[in-house]
Amino acid sequence: YSSNMAYKYPARTLVYRSSMNYKFYIKQCFFFLISARFRTRYLKDLFLI
């Protein structure tokens, strides 16, 4: 993947980078939701005890 390819097709690399950011943000939100769910479950267990 050479630099002149990125120069010839800036739109394609832009779309590729934005899709990578999109996947990254989805993964971040996913892990945040999972951690929040486990956190609430843990707090519920603490309150039950």
C-alpha atoms as a PDB file:
ATOM      1  CA  TYR A   1       0.000   0.000   0.000  1.00  0.00           C
ATOM      2  CA  SER A   2       2.003   2.950  -1.293  1.00  0.00           C
ATOM      3  CA  SER A   3       1.586   6.650  -0.612  1.00  0.00           C
ATOM      4  CA  ASN A   4       0.735   7.554  -4.219  1.00  0.00           C
ATOM      5  CA  MET A   5      -2.228   5.164  -3.986  1.00  0.00           C
ATOM      6  CA  ALA A   6      -3.492   7.180  -1.020  1.00  0.00           C
ATOM      7  CA  TYR A   7      -2.860  10.334  -3.037  1.00  0.00           C
ATOM      8  CA  LYS A   8      -4.775   9.003  -6.041  1.00  0.00           C
ATOM      9  CA  TYR A   9      -7.706   7.745  -4.008  1.00  0.00           C
ATOM     10  CA  PRO A  10      -8.136  10.073  -1.010  1.00  0.00           C
ATOM     11  CA  ALA A  11     -11.866   9.417  -0.797  1.00  0.00           C
ATOM     12  CA  ARG A  12     -11.379   5.659  -0.532  1.00  0.00           C
ATOM     13  CA  THR A  13      -8.830   5.990   2.275  1.00  0.00           C
ATOM     14  CA  LEU A  14     -11.078   8.529   4.011  1.00  0.00           C
ATOM     15  CA  VAL A  15     -14.023   6.137   3.883  1.00  0.00           C
ATOM     16  CA  TYR A  16     -11.790   3.315   5.051  1.00  0.00           C
ATOM     17  CA  ARG A  17     -10.525   5.337   8.018  1.00  0.00           C
ATOM     18  CA  SER A  18     -14.023   6.511   8.963  1.00  0.00           C
ATOM     19  CA  SER A  19     -15.315   2.920   8.834  1.00  0.00           C
ATOM     20  CA  MET A  20     -12.435   1.857  11.086  1.00  0.00           C
ATOM     21  CA  ASN A  21     -13.341   4.648  13.541  1.00  0.00           C
ATOM     22  CA  TYR A  22     -16.982   3.542  13.270  1.00  0.00           C
ATOM     23  CA  LYS A  23     -16.087  -0.031  14.224  1.00  0.00           C
ATOM     24  CA  PHE A  24     -13.850   1.243  17.017  1.00  0.00           C
ATOM     25  CA  TYR A  25     -16.621   3.389  18.499  1.00  0.00           C
ATOM     26  CA  ILE A  26     -19.097   0.493  18.250  1.00  0.00           C
ATOM     27  CA  LYS A  27     -16.621  -1.730  20.106  1.00  0.00           C
ATOM     28  CA  GLN A  28     -16.082   0.942  22.773  1.00  0.00           C
ATOM     29  CA  CYS A  29     -19.835   1.384  23.309  1.00  0.00           C
ATOM     30  CA  PHE A  30     -20.270  -2.401  23.396  1.00  0.00           C
ATOM     31  CA  PHE A  31     -17.624  -2.855  26.093  1.00  0.00           C
ATOM     32  CA  PHE A  32     -19.045   0.098  28.023  1.00  0.00           C
ATOM     33  CA  LEU A  33     -22.524  -1.448  27.986  1.00  0.00           C
ATOM     34  CA  ILE A  34     -21.152  -4.816  29.080  1.00  0.00           C
ATOM     35  CA  SER A  35     -19.136  -3.260  31.908  1.00  0.00           C
ATOM     36  CA  ALA A  36     -22.137  -1.156  32.980  1.00  0.00           C
ATOM     37  CA  ARG A  37     -24.373  -4.246  33.007  1.00  0.00           C
ATOM     38  CA  PHE A  38     -21.883  -6.215  35.102  1.00  0.00           C
ATOM     39  CA  ARG A  39     -21.444  -3.210  37.378  1.00  0.00           C
ATOM     40  CA  THR A  40     -25.183  -2.934  38.020  1.00  0.00           C
ATOM     41  CA  ARG A  41     -25.412  -6.703  38.586  1.00  0.00           C
ATOM     42  CA  TYR A  42     -22.512  -6.485  41.045  1.00  0.00           C
ATOM     43  CA  LEU A  43     -24.161  -3.575  42.862  1.00  0.00           C
ATOM     44  CA  LYS A  44     -27.441  -5.493  43.026  1.00  0.00           C
ATOM     45  CA  ASP A  45     -25.622  -8.469  44.546  1.00  0.00           C
ATOM     46  CA  LEU A  46     -24.025  -6.145  47.087  1.00  0.00           C
ATOM     47  CA  PHE A  47     -27.395  -4.667  48.000  1.00  0.00           C
ATOM     48  CA  LEU A  48     -28.940  -8.135  48.265  1.00  0.00           C
ATOM     49  CA  ILE A  49     -26.187  -9.087  50.721  1.00  0.00           C
END
